[in-house]
Structures are given as C-alpha cells and as structure tokens.
Amino acid sequence: ILHVLRWKADELDKVIDAINATGYGLTLGIHSRINDTVDHIVKRAKVGNCYVNRNQIGAVVGVQPFGGENLSGTGPKAGGPHYLLRFATERTVTINTTAAGGNASLLTLAE
C-alpha cells in the first residue's frame, strides 16, 4: 500500500504525529529538496527505515539492516550487527546446594 500525503508546511509536525500515532513504523519515504525538512522528519518519525529521494525497496539483506519500530518491529534489524542475538535466549540457573541441606565440601572432592 502506498500512501502519498501533501501537507501545509506549518502542519508538518501534525502529520508526523499522526504517522507516529498509528503504532506502525516500518518504512517512510521522503521526497524533498529541502534538507532542513528532511532532517526534521528523520529526527521525529518513529520508523525503522527512512528513504530520502530514492526507491523505497531494494535493501540488500546482510548489507543494509532492515526492520521497523513499534507494531512493525521485530527487535534488532534483519542483517544488523545484533541480528543473531534475536534468535538466542540466555538463561541462567543457580542452585544453592547448602540451602537444601547439602554438604558443600562433598561437592569439591576430587574424583
């Protein structure tokens, strides 16, 4: 689905707020020649990927991280430096043997 919006310059923040309020934030495309406007949108929009004056598709997997925020998010971006950790779950179990009446000195005896 492609949404195209035009807005009055003095209502830009209202438009960004409305986009952020949707709860989704996968990709945003901006077409503008005004760098200050682009910078403002990039800083305020809660999206995972922002494309400026270019095609919105074609991220190279493993080279360009891809992923969204909020309801479009999956955690670390696919292809990013922390992507592998998304598939791992770290767990720790610590048992205090002496609290259960065990003899800690027996556990340290050499076989």
PDB file of N, CA and C in Angstrom:
ATOM      1  N   ILE A   1       0.855  -1.166   0.000  1.00  0.00           N
ATOM      2  CA  ILE A   1       0.000   0.000   0.000  1.00  0.00           C
ATOM      3  C   ILE A   1       0.896   1.222   0.000  1.00  0.00           C
ATOM      4  N   LEU A   2       0.635   2.134  -0.875  1.00  0.00           N
ATOM      5  CA  LEU A   2       1.400   3.375  -0.939  1.00  0.00           C
ATOM      6  C   LEU A   2       0.498   4.527  -0.544  1.00  0.00           C
ATOM      7  N   HIS A   3       0.918   5.237   0.474  1.00  0.00           N
ATOM      8  CA  HIS A   3       0.186   6.418   0.910  1.00  0.00           C
ATOM      9  C   HIS A   3       0.989   7.638   0.483  1.00  0.00           C
ATOM     10  N   VAL A   4       0.350   8.550  -0.189  1.00  0.00           N
ATOM     11  CA  VAL A   4       1.006   9.787  -0.611  1.00  0.00           C
ATOM     12  C   VAL A   4       0.286  10.932   0.092  1.00  0.00           C
ATOM     13  N   LEU A   5       1.058  11.746   0.790  1.00  0.00           N
ATOM     14  CA  LEU A   5       0.487  12.854   1.533  1.00  0.00           C
ATOM     15  C   LEU A   5       1.115  14.167   1.111  1.00  0.00           C
ATOM     16  N   ARG A   6       0.294  15.170   0.998  1.00  0.00           N
ATOM     17  CA  ARG A   6       0.772  16.542   0.844  1.00  0.00           C
ATOM     18  C   ARG A   6       0.285  17.289   2.063  1.00  0.00           C
ATOM     19  N   TRP A   7       1.078  18.186   2.537  1.00  0.00           N
ATOM     20  CA  TRP A   7       0.705  18.928   3.733  1.00  0.00           C
ATOM     21  C   TRP A   7       1.167  20.360   3.628  1.00  0.00           C
ATOM     22  N   LYS A   8       0.556  21.187   4.435  1.00  0.00           N
ATOM     23  CA  LYS A   8       0.980  22.579   4.525  1.00  0.00           C
ATOM     24  C   LYS A   8       2.210  22.613   5.419  1.00  0.00           C
ATOM     25  N   ALA A   9       3.167  23.450   5.073  1.00  0.00           N
ATOM     26  CA  ALA A   9       4.441  23.488   5.796  1.00  0.00           C
ATOM     27  C   ALA A   9       4.265  23.678   7.296  1.00  0.00           C
ATOM     28  N   ASP A  10       3.300  24.483   7.694  1.00  0.00           N
ATOM     29  CA  ASP A  10       3.118  24.741   9.121  1.00  0.00           C
ATOM     30  C   ASP A  10       2.399  23.597   9.844  1.00  0.00           C
ATOM     31  N   GLU A  11       2.009  22.541   9.109  1.00  0.00           N
ATOM     32  CA  GLU A  11       1.327  21.399   9.709  1.00  0.00           C
ATOM     33  C   GLU A  11       2.179  20.128   9.668  1.00  0.00           C
ATOM     34  N   LEU A  12       3.453  20.270   9.377  1.00  0.00           N
ATOM     35  CA  LEU A  12       4.323  19.099   9.253  1.00  0.00           C
ATOM     36  C   LEU A  12       4.371  18.286  10.545  1.00  0.00           C
ATOM     37  N   ASP A  13       4.527  18.946  11.681  1.00  0.00           N
ATOM     38  CA  ASP A  13       4.578  18.210  12.946  1.00  0.00           C
ATOM     39  C   ASP A  13       3.286  17.449  13.213  1.00  0.00           C
ATOM     40  N   LYS A  14       2.156  18.009  12.795  1.00  0.00           N
ATOM     41  CA  LYS A  14       0.867  17.343  12.951  1.00  0.00           C
ATOM     42  C   LYS A  14       0.836  16.053  12.115  1.00  0.00           C
ATOM     43  N   VAL A  15       1.393  16.119  10.924  1.00  0.00           N
ATOM     44  CA  VAL A  15       1.436  14.945  10.044  1.00  0.00           C
ATOM     45  C   VAL A  15       2.346  13.869  10.647  1.00  0.00           C
ATOM     46  N   ILE A  16       3.511  14.267  11.135  1.00  0.00           N
ATOM     47  CA  ILE A  16       4.434  13.305  11.750  1.00  0.00           C
ATOM     48  C   ILE A  16       3.799  12.676  12.980  1.00  0.00           C
ATOM     49  N   ASP A  17       3.134  13.480  13.791  1.00  0.00           N
ATOM     50  CA  ASP A  17       2.452  12.949  14.975  1.00  0.00           C
ATOM     51  C   ASP A  17       1.380  11.940  14.584  1.00  0.00           C
ATOM     52  N   ALA A  18       0.648  12.224  13.520  1.00  0.00           N
ATOM     53  CA  ALA A  18      -0.400  11.304  13.058  1.00  0.00           C
ATOM     54  C   ALA A  18       0.214   9.986  12.571  1.00  0.00           C
ATOM     55  N   ILE A  19       1.324  10.077  11.874  1.00  0.00           N
ATOM     56  CA  ILE A  19       2.011   8.862  11.410  1.00  0.00           C
ATOM     57  C   ILE A  19       2.500   8.057  12.612  1.00  0.00           C
ATOM     58  N   ASN A  20       3.140   8.723  13.561  1.00  0.00           N
ATOM     59  CA  ASN A  20       3.643   8.035  14.752  1.00  0.00           C
ATOM     60  C   ASN A  20       2.512   7.418  15.568  1.00  0.00           C
ATOM     61  N   ALA A  21       1.353   8.047  15.588  1.00  0.00           N
ATOM     62  CA  ALA A  21       0.219   7.580  16.385  1.00  0.00           C
ATOM     63  C   ALA A  21      -0.416   6.306  15.821  1.00  0.00           C
ATOM     64  N   THR A  22      -0.104   5.940  14.590  1.00  0.00           N
ATOM     65  CA  THR A  22      -0.684   4.722  14.020  1.00  0.00           C
ATOM     66  C   THR A  22      -0.184   3.478  14.736  1.00  0.00           C
ATOM     67  N   GLY A  23       0.982   3.581  15.354  1.00  0.00           N
ATOM     68  CA  GLY A  23       1.554   2.425  16.026  1.00  0.00           C
ATOM     69  C   GLY A  23       2.448   1.592  15.130  1.00  0.00           C
ATOM     70  N   TYR A  24       2.517   1.931  13.855  1.00  0.00           N
ATOM     71  CA  TYR A  24       3.363   1.199  12.918  1.00  0.00           C
ATOM     72  C   TYR A  24       4.519   2.091  12.492  1.00  0.00           C
ATOM     73  N   GLY A  25       5.623   1.482  12.107  1.00  0.00           N
ATOM     74  CA  GLY A  25       6.764   2.285  11.678  1.00  0.00           C
ATOM     75  C   GLY A  25       7.787   1.464  10.945  1.00  0.00           C
ATOM     76  N   LEU A  26       7.412   0.911   9.800  1.00  0.00           N
ATOM     77  CA  LEU A  26       8.360   0.098   9.043  1.00  0.00           C
ATOM     78  C   LEU A  26       9.232   0.981   8.160  1.00  0.00           C
ATOM     79  N   THR A  27       8.627   1.620   7.174  1.00  0.00           N
ATOM     80  CA  THR A  27       9.394   2.377   6.191  1.00  0.00           C
ATOM     81  C   THR A  27       8.705   3.701   5.896  1.00  0.00           C
ATOM     82  N   LEU A  28       9.504   4.749   5.756  1.00  0.00           N
ATOM     83  CA  LEU A  28       8.994   6.064   5.376  1.00  0.00           C
ATOM     84  C   LEU A  28       9.823   6.567   4.203  1.00  0.00           C
ATOM     85  N   GLY A  29       9.137   7.035   3.188  1.00  0.00           N
ATOM     86  CA  GLY A  29       9.822   7.632   2.044  1.00  0.00           C
ATOM     87  C   GLY A  29       9.576   9.130   2.029  1.00  0.00           C
ATOM     88  N   ILE A  30      10.638   9.883   1.846  1.00  0.00           N
ATOM     89  CA  ILE A  30      10.536  11.338   1.806  1.00  0.00           C
ATOM     90  C   ILE A  30      11.094  11.810   0.467  1.00  0.00           C
ATOM     91  N   HIS A  31      10.351  12.671  -0.193  1.00  0.00           N
ATOM     92  CA  HIS A  31      10.838  13.306  -1.417  1.00  0.00           C
ATOM     93  C   HIS A  31      10.829  14.799  -1.187  1.00  0.00           C
ATOM     94  N   SER A  32      11.998  15.355  -1.014  1.00  0.00           N
ATOM     95  CA  SER A  32      12.118  16.782  -0.738  1.00  0.00           C
ATOM     96  C   SER A  32      13.515  17.254  -1.112  1.00  0.00           C
ATOM     97  N   ARG A  33      13.606  18.495  -1.523  1.00  0.00           N
ATOM     98  CA  ARG A  33      14.908  19.106  -1.811  1.00  0.00           C
ATOM     99  C   ARG A  33      15.341  20.028  -0.678  1.00  0.00           C
ATOM    100  N   ILE A  34      14.545  20.084   0.372  1.00  0.00           N
ATOM    101  CA  ILE A  34      14.828  20.976   1.493  1.00  0.00           C
ATOM    102  C   ILE A  34      15.453  20.148   2.616  1.00  0.00           C
ATOM    103  N   ASN A  35      16.761  20.275   2.783  1.00  0.00           N
ATOM    104  CA  ASN A  35      17.482  19.457   3.762  1.00  0.00           C
ATOM    105  C   ASN A  35      16.978  19.639   5.181  1.00  0.00           C
ATOM    106  N   ASP A  36      16.618  20.846   5.564  1.00  0.00           N
ATOM    107  CA  ASP A  36      16.113  21.071   6.919  1.00  0.00           C
ATOM    108  C   ASP A  36      14.814  20.306   7.157  1.00  0.00           C
ATOM    109  N   THR A  37      13.966  20.238   6.150  1.00  0.00           N
ATOM    110  CA  THR A  37      12.717  19.491   6.265  1.00  0.00           C
ATOM    111  C   THR A  37      13.001  18.005   6.408  1.00  0.00           C
ATOM    112  N   VAL A  38      13.901  17.501   5.592  1.00  0.00           N
ATOM    113  CA  VAL A  38      14.275  16.080   5.664  1.00  0.00           C
ATOM    114  C   VAL A  38      14.843  15.764   7.045  1.00  0.00           C
ATOM    115  N   ASP A  39      15.767  16.581   7.523  1.00  0.00           N
ATOM    116  CA  ASP A  39      16.370  16.365   8.836  1.00  0.00           C
ATOM    117  C   ASP A  39      15.311  16.359   9.941  1.00  0.00           C
ATOM    118  N   HIS A  40      14.373  17.268   9.855  1.00  0.00           N
ATOM    119  CA  HIS A  40      13.305  17.365  10.857  1.00  0.00           C
ATOM    120  C   HIS A  40      12.451  16.102  10.867  1.00  0.00           C
ATOM    121  N   ILE A  41      12.071  15.635   9.704  1.00  0.00           N
ATOM    122  CA  ILE A  41      11.241  14.431   9.606  1.00  0.00           C
ATOM    123  C   ILE A  41      12.007  13.215  10.121  1.00  0.00           C
ATOM    124  N   VAL A  42      13.252  13.077   9.708  1.00  0.00           N
ATOM    125  CA  VAL A  42      14.063  11.930  10.116  1.00  0.00           C
ATOM    126  C   VAL A  42      14.206  11.879  11.637  1.00  0.00           C
ATOM    127  N   LYS A  43      14.389  13.027  12.259  1.00  0.00           N
ATOM    128  CA  LYS A  43      14.553  13.066  13.720  1.00  0.00           C
ATOM    129  C   LYS A  43      13.262  12.743  14.465  1.00  0.00           C
ATOM    130  N   ARG A  44      12.117  13.080  13.904  1.00  0.00           N
ATOM    131  CA  ARG A  44      10.847  12.919  14.625  1.00  0.00           C
ATOM    132  C   ARG A  44      10.074  11.652  14.278  1.00  0.00           C
ATOM    133  N   ALA A  45      10.233  11.146  13.079  1.00  0.00           N
ATOM    134  CA  ALA A  45       9.445   9.983  12.655  1.00  0.00           C
ATOM    135  C   ALA A  45       9.973   8.713  13.317  1.00  0.00           C
ATOM    136  N   LYS A  46       9.067   7.936  13.877  1.00  0.00           N
ATOM    137  CA  LYS A  46       9.421   6.686  14.544  1.00  0.00           C
ATOM    138  C   LYS A  46       9.263   5.537  13.554  1.00  0.00           C
ATOM    139  N   VAL A  47      10.251   5.419  12.677  1.00  0.00           N
ATOM    140  CA  VAL A  47      10.243   4.366  11.660  1.00  0.00           C
ATOM    141  C   VAL A  47      11.609   3.690  11.637  1.00  0.00           C
ATOM    142  N   GLY A  48      11.613   2.446  11.210  1.00  0.00           N
ATOM    143  CA  GLY A  48      12.866   1.700  11.158  1.00  0.00           C
ATOM    144  C   GLY A  48      13.740   2.068   9.991  1.00  0.00           C
ATOM    145  N   ASN A  49      13.125   2.417   8.870  1.00  0.00           N
ATOM    146  CA  ASN A  49      13.874   2.735   7.659  1.00  0.00           C
ATOM    147  C   ASN A  49      13.289   3.986   7.024  1.00  0.00           C
ATOM    148  N   CYS A  50      14.161   4.895   6.689  1.00  0.00           N
ATOM    149  CA  CYS A  50      13.728   6.129   6.052  1.00  0.00           C
ATOM    150  C   CYS A  50      14.533   6.322   4.773  1.00  0.00           C
ATOM    151  N   TYR A  51      13.838   6.368   3.668  1.00  0.00           N
ATOM    152  CA  TYR A  51      14.478   6.553   2.371  1.00  0.00           C
ATOM    153  C   TYR A  51      14.190   7.967   1.876  1.00  0.00           C
ATOM    154  N   VAL A  52      15.230   8.672   1.481  1.00  0.00           N
ATOM    155  CA  VAL A  52      15.098  10.053   1.036  1.00  0.00           C
ATOM    156  C   VAL A  52      15.453  10.134  -0.446  1.00  0.00           C
ATOM    157  N   ASN A  53      14.487  10.616  -1.226  1.00  0.00           N
ATOM    158  CA  ASN A  53      14.672  10.828  -2.665  1.00  0.00           C
ATOM    159  C   ASN A  53      15.208   9.594  -3.393  1.00  0.00           C
ATOM    160  N   ARG A  54      14.645   8.452  -3.048  1.00  0.00           N
ATOM    161  CA  ARG A  54      15.042   7.213  -3.714  1.00  0.00           C
ATOM    162  C   ARG A  54      13.929   6.189  -3.606  1.00  0.00           C
ATOM    163  N   ASN A  55      14.109   5.070  -4.267  1.00  0.00           N
ATOM    164  CA  ASN A  55      13.166   3.969  -4.227  1.00  0.00           C
ATOM    165  C   ASN A  55      13.091   3.426  -2.801  1.00  0.00           C
ATOM    166  N   GLN A  56      11.923   3.009  -2.373  1.00  0.00           N
ATOM    167  CA  GLN A  56      11.748   2.516  -1.015  1.00  0.00           C
ATOM    168  C   GLN A  56      11.990   1.028  -0.875  1.00  0.00           C
ATOM    169  N   ILE A  57      12.316   0.361  -1.939  1.00  0.00           N
ATOM    170  CA  ILE A  57      12.577  -1.073  -1.856  1.00  0.00           C
ATOM    171  C   ILE A  57      13.992  -1.345  -2.327  1.00  0.00           C
ATOM    172  N   GLY A  58      14.472  -2.521  -2.017  1.00  0.00           N
ATOM    173  CA  GLY A  58      15.779  -2.907  -2.528  1.00  0.00           C
ATOM    174  C   GLY A  58      16.890  -2.954  -1.506  1.00  0.00           C
ATOM    175  N   ALA A  59      16.551  -3.015  -0.205  1.00  0.00           N
ATOM    176  CA  ALA A  59      17.600  -3.173   0.794  1.00  0.00           C
ATOM    177  C   ALA A  59      18.293  -4.508   0.557  1.00  0.00           C
ATOM    178  N   VAL A  60      19.600  -4.514   0.605  1.00  0.00           N
ATOM    179  CA  VAL A  60      20.377  -5.722   0.363  1.00  0.00           C
ATOM    180  C   VAL A  60      20.539  -6.468   1.682  1.00  0.00           C
ATOM    181  N   VAL A  61      19.935  -7.663   1.773  1.00  0.00           N
ATOM    182  CA  VAL A  61      19.975  -8.447   3.000  1.00  0.00           C
ATOM    183  C   VAL A  61      21.423  -8.763   3.364  1.00  0.00           C
ATOM    184  N   GLY A  62      21.746  -8.560   4.636  1.00  0.00           N
ATOM    185  CA  GLY A  62      23.095  -8.818   5.111  1.00  0.00           C
ATOM    186  C   GLY A  62      24.022  -7.635   4.949  1.00  0.00           C
ATOM    187  N   VAL A  63      23.587  -6.643   4.188  1.00  0.00           N
ATOM    188  CA  VAL A  63      24.413  -5.455   3.967  1.00  0.00           C
ATOM    189  C   VAL A  63      23.740  -4.225   4.556  1.00  0.00           C
ATOM    190  N   GLN A  64      22.449  -4.074   4.270  1.00  0.00           N
ATOM    191  CA  GLN A  64      21.682  -2.949   4.779  1.00  0.00           C
ATOM    192  C   GLN A  64      20.663  -3.481   5.784  1.00  0.00           C
ATOM    193  N   PRO A  65      20.810  -3.135   7.060  1.00  0.00           N
ATOM    194  CA  PRO A  65      19.836  -3.606   8.060  1.00  0.00           C
ATOM    195  C   PRO A  65      18.424  -3.152   7.701  1.00  0.00           C
ATOM    196  N   PHE A  66      17.449  -4.015   7.977  1.00  0.00           N
ATOM    197  CA  PHE A  66      16.062  -3.703   7.652  1.00  0.00           C
ATOM    198  C   PHE A  66      15.169  -4.160   8.784  1.00  0.00           C
ATOM    199  N   GLY A  67      14.285  -3.295   9.234  1.00  0.00           N
ATOM    200  CA  GLY A  67      13.322  -3.648  10.268  1.00  0.00           C
ATOM    201  C   GLY A  67      12.602  -2.414  10.733  1.00  0.00           C
ATOM    202  N   GLY A  68      11.498  -2.594  11.416  1.00  0.00           N
ATOM    203  CA  GLY A  68      10.682  -1.463  11.810  1.00  0.00           C
ATOM    204  C   GLY A  68      10.677  -1.202  13.296  1.00  0.00           C
ATOM    205  N   GLU A  69       9.786  -0.305  13.692  1.00  0.00           N
ATOM    206  CA  GLU A  69       9.596   0.033  15.094  1.00  0.00           C
ATOM    207  C   GLU A  69       8.137  -0.175  15.463  1.00  0.00           C
ATOM    208  N   ASN A  70       7.879  -0.197  16.755  1.00  0.00           N
ATOM    209  CA  ASN A  70       6.526  -0.361  17.286  1.00  0.00           C
ATOM    210  C   ASN A  70       5.896  -1.641  16.757  1.00  0.00           C
ATOM    211  N   LEU A  71       4.680  -1.593  16.222  1.00  0.00           N
ATOM    212  CA  LEU A  71       3.991  -2.791  15.752  1.00  0.00           C
ATOM    213  C   LEU A  71       4.608  -3.373  14.485  1.00  0.00           C
ATOM    214  N   SER A  72       5.513  -2.638  13.853  1.00  0.00           N
ATOM    215  CA  SER A  72       6.218  -3.152  12.682  1.00  0.00           C
ATOM    216  C   SER A  72       7.581  -3.713  13.060  1.00  0.00           C
ATOM    217  N   GLY A  73       7.904  -3.687  14.330  1.00  0.00           N
ATOM    218  CA  GLY A  73       9.234  -4.091  14.760  1.00  0.00           C
ATOM    219  C   GLY A  73       9.342  -5.563  15.076  1.00  0.00           C
ATOM    220  N   THR A  74      10.547  -6.071  14.929  1.00  0.00           N
ATOM    221  CA  THR A  74      10.832  -7.460  15.276  1.00  0.00           C
ATOM    222  C   THR A  74      12.061  -7.531  16.163  1.00  0.00           C
ATOM    223  N   GLY A  75      12.415  -6.446  16.792  1.00  0.00           N
ATOM    224  CA  GLY A  75      13.643  -6.420  17.574  1.00  0.00           C
ATOM    225  C   GLY A  75      14.764  -5.874  16.711  1.00  0.00           C
ATOM    226  N   PRO A  76      15.973  -6.448  16.835  1.00  0.00           N
ATOM    227  CA  PRO A  76      17.092  -5.959  16.031  1.00  0.00           C
ATOM    228  C   PRO A  76      16.795  -6.080  14.538  1.00  0.00           C
ATOM    229  N   LYS A  77      17.316  -5.176  13.783  1.00  0.00           N
ATOM    230  CA  LYS A  77      17.053  -5.176  12.344  1.00  0.00           C
ATOM    231  C   LYS A  77      17.682  -6.384  11.669  1.00  0.00           C
ATOM    232  N   ALA A  78      16.968  -6.965  10.705  1.00  0.00           N
ATOM    233  CA  ALA A  78      17.490  -8.083   9.934  1.00  0.00           C
ATOM    234  C   ALA A  78      18.755  -7.644   9.223  1.00  0.00           C
ATOM    235  N   GLY A  79      19.810  -8.398   9.394  1.00  0.00           N
ATOM    236  CA  GLY A  79      21.069  -8.066   8.738  1.00  0.00           C
ATOM    237  C   GLY A  79      21.951  -7.149   9.558  1.00  0.00           C
ATOM    238  N   GLY A  80      21.452  -6.638  10.667  1.00  0.00           N
ATOM    239  CA  GLY A  80      22.243  -5.746  11.510  1.00  0.00           C
ATOM    240  C   GLY A  80      23.223  -6.513  12.379  1.00  0.00           C
ATOM    241  N   PRO A  81      24.083  -5.807  13.086  1.00  0.00           N
ATOM    242  CA  PRO A  81      25.131  -6.461  13.874  1.00  0.00           C
ATOM    243  C   PRO A  81      24.611  -7.281  15.052  1.00  0.00           C
ATOM    244  N   HIS A  82      23.390  -7.044  15.497  1.00  0.00           N
ATOM    245  CA  HIS A  82      22.838  -7.771  16.636  1.00  0.00           C
ATOM    246  C   HIS A  82      21.753  -8.763  16.220  1.00  0.00           C
ATOM    247  N   TYR A  83      21.666  -9.061  14.939  1.00  0.00           N
ATOM    248  CA  TYR A  83      20.579  -9.887  14.428  1.00  0.00           C
ATOM    249  C   TYR A  83      20.623 -11.316  14.974  1.00  0.00           C
ATOM    250  N   LEU A  84      21.789 -11.911  15.073  1.00  0.00           N
ATOM    251  CA  LEU A  84      21.899 -13.284  15.547  1.00  0.00           C
ATOM    252  C   LEU A  84      21.335 -13.423  16.957  1.00  0.00           C
ATOM    253  N   LEU A  85      21.548 -12.395  17.792  1.00  0.00           N
ATOM    254  CA  LEU A  85      21.053 -12.446  19.164  1.00  0.00           C
ATOM    255  C   LEU A  85      19.531 -12.519  19.243  1.00  0.00           C
ATOM    256  N   ARG A  86      18.853 -12.106  18.187  1.00  0.00           N
ATOM    257  CA  ARG A  86      17.395 -12.178  18.167  1.00  0.00           C
ATOM    258  C   ARG A  86      16.908 -13.619  18.273  1.00  0.00           C
ATOM    259  N   PHE A  87      17.728 -14.564  17.830  1.00  0.00           N
ATOM    260  CA  PHE A  87      17.337 -15.969  17.817  1.00  0.00           C
ATOM    261  C   PHE A  87      17.822 -16.727  19.054  1.00  0.00           C
ATOM    262  N   ALA A  88      18.517 -16.043  19.938  1.00  0.00           N
ATOM    263  CA  ALA A  88      19.071 -16.700  21.121  1.00  0.00           C
ATOM    264  C   ALA A  88      18.332 -16.240  22.376  1.00  0.00           C
ATOM    265  N   THR A  89      18.216 -17.141  23.324  1.00  0.00           N
ATOM    266  CA  THR A  89      17.649 -16.811  24.620  1.00  0.00           C
ATOM    267  C   THR A  89      18.668 -17.222  25.676  1.00  0.00           C
ATOM    268  N   GLU A  90      19.091 -16.269  26.459  1.00  0.00           N
ATOM    269  CA  GLU A  90      20.064 -16.559  27.509  1.00  0.00           C
ATOM    270  C   GLU A  90      19.321 -16.836  28.802  1.00  0.00           C
ATOM    271  N   ARG A  91      19.687 -17.948  29.446  1.00  0.00           N
ATOM    272  CA  ARG A  91      19.064 -18.306  30.710  1.00  0.00           C
ATOM    273  C   ARG A  91      20.148 -18.757  31.679  1.00  0.00           C
ATOM    274  N   THR A  92      19.944 -18.454  32.938  1.00  0.00           N
ATOM    275  CA  THR A  92      20.880 -18.858  33.980  1.00  0.00           C
ATOM    276  C   THR A  92      20.115 -19.530  35.102  1.00  0.00           C
ATOM    277  N   VAL A  93      20.640 -20.649  35.580  1.00  0.00           N
ATOM    278  CA  VAL A  93      20.071 -21.331  36.729  1.00  0.00           C
ATOM    279  C   VAL A  93      21.172 -21.452  37.765  1.00  0.00           C
ATOM    280  N   THR A  94      20.928 -20.965  38.967  1.00  0.00           N
ATOM    281  CA  THR A  94      21.890 -21.050  40.056  1.00  0.00           C
ATOM    282  C   THR A  94      21.215 -21.765  41.218  1.00  0.00           C
ATOM    283  N   ILE A  95      21.860 -22.827  41.701  1.00  0.00           N
ATOM    284  CA  ILE A  95      21.289 -23.609  42.798  1.00  0.00           C
ATOM    285  C   ILE A  95      22.215 -23.532  43.997  1.00  0.00           C
ATOM    286  N   ASN A  96      21.679 -23.130  45.125  1.00  0.00           N
ATOM    287  CA  ASN A  96      22.421 -23.086  46.378  1.00  0.00           C
ATOM    288  C   ASN A  96      22.234 -24.437  47.064  1.00  0.00           C
ATOM    289  N   THR A  97      23.184 -25.325  46.865  1.00  0.00           N
ATOM    290  CA  THR A  97      23.077 -26.685  47.388  1.00  0.00           C
ATOM    291  C   THR A  97      23.031 -26.711  48.909  1.00  0.00           C
ATOM    292  N   THR A  98      23.787 -25.841  49.561  1.00  0.00           N
ATOM    293  CA  THR A  98      23.824 -25.854  51.028  1.00  0.00           C
ATOM    294  C   THR A  98      22.495 -25.431  51.630  1.00  0.00           C
ATOM    295  N   ALA A  99      21.720 -24.611  50.925  1.00  0.00           N
ATOM    296  CA  ALA A  99      20.422 -24.184  51.453  1.00  0.00           C
ATOM    297  C   ALA A  99      19.438 -25.344  51.523  1.00  0.00           C
ATOM    298  N   ALA A 100      19.674 -26.384  50.736  1.00  0.00           N
ATOM    299  CA  ALA A 100      18.787 -27.544  50.729  1.00  0.00           C
ATOM    300  C   ALA A 100      19.312 -28.644  51.646  1.00  0.00           C
ATOM    301  N   GLY A 101      20.314 -28.323  52.457  1.00  0.00           N
ATOM    302  CA  GLY A 101      20.855 -29.299  53.402  1.00  0.00           C
ATOM    303  C   GLY A 101      22.004 -30.108  52.834  1.00  0.00           C
ATOM    304  N   GLY A 102      22.509 -29.748  51.689  1.00  0.00           N
ATOM    305  CA  GLY A 102      23.625 -30.464  51.084  1.00  0.00           C
ATOM    306  C   GLY A 102      24.931 -30.085  51.750  1.00  0.00           C
ATOM    307  N   ASN A 103      25.928 -30.917  51.548  1.00  0.00           N
ATOM    308  CA  ASN A 103      27.239 -30.684  52.120  1.00  0.00           C
ATOM    309  C   ASN A 103      28.141 -30.148  51.022  1.00  0.00           C
ATOM    310  N   ALA A 104      28.454 -28.857  51.064  1.00  0.00           N
ATOM    311  CA  ALA A 104      29.250 -28.221  50.016  1.00  0.00           C
ATOM    312  C   ALA A 104      30.643 -28.806  49.918  1.00  0.00           C
ATOM    313  N   SER A 105      31.211 -29.303  51.015  1.00  0.00           N
ATOM    314  CA  SER A 105      32.581 -29.863  50.973  1.00  0.00           C
ATOM    315  C   SER A 105      32.613 -31.156  50.166  1.00  0.00           C
ATOM    316  N   LEU A 106      31.513 -31.908  50.144  1.00  0.00           N
ATOM    317  CA  LEU A 106      31.469 -33.119  49.336  1.00  0.00           C
ATOM    318  C   LEU A 106      31.512 -32.812  47.847  1.00  0.00           C
ATOM    319  N   LEU A 107      30.960 -31.661  47.457  1.00  0.00           N
ATOM    320  CA  LEU A 107      30.928 -31.291  46.048  1.00  0.00           C
ATOM    321  C   LEU A 107      32.288 -30.892  45.524  1.00  0.00           C
ATOM    322  N   THR A 108      33.232 -30.554  46.428  1.00  0.00           N
ATOM    323  CA  THR A 108      34.553 -30.110  45.983  1.00  0.00           C
ATOM    324  C   THR A 108      35.590 -31.223  46.035  1.00  0.00           C
ATOM    325  N   LEU A 109      35.228 -32.426  46.414  1.00  0.00           N
ATOM    326  CA  LEU A 109      36.181 -33.538  46.465  1.00  0.00           C
ATOM    327  C   LEU A 109      36.579 -33.963  45.075  1.00  0.00           C
ATOM    328  N   ALA A 110      37.829 -34.235  44.897  1.00  0.00           N
ATOM    329  CA  ALA A 110      38.326 -34.725  43.611  1.00  0.00           C
ATOM    330  C   ALA A 110      37.898 -36.169  43.419  1.00  0.00           C
ATOM    331  N   GLU A 111      37.680 -36.537  42.182  1.00  0.00           N
ATOM    332  CA  GLU A 111      37.253 -37.913  41.896  1.00  0.00           C
ATOM    333  C   GLU A 111      38.414 -38.854  41.911  1.00  0.00           C
TER     334      GLU A 111
END
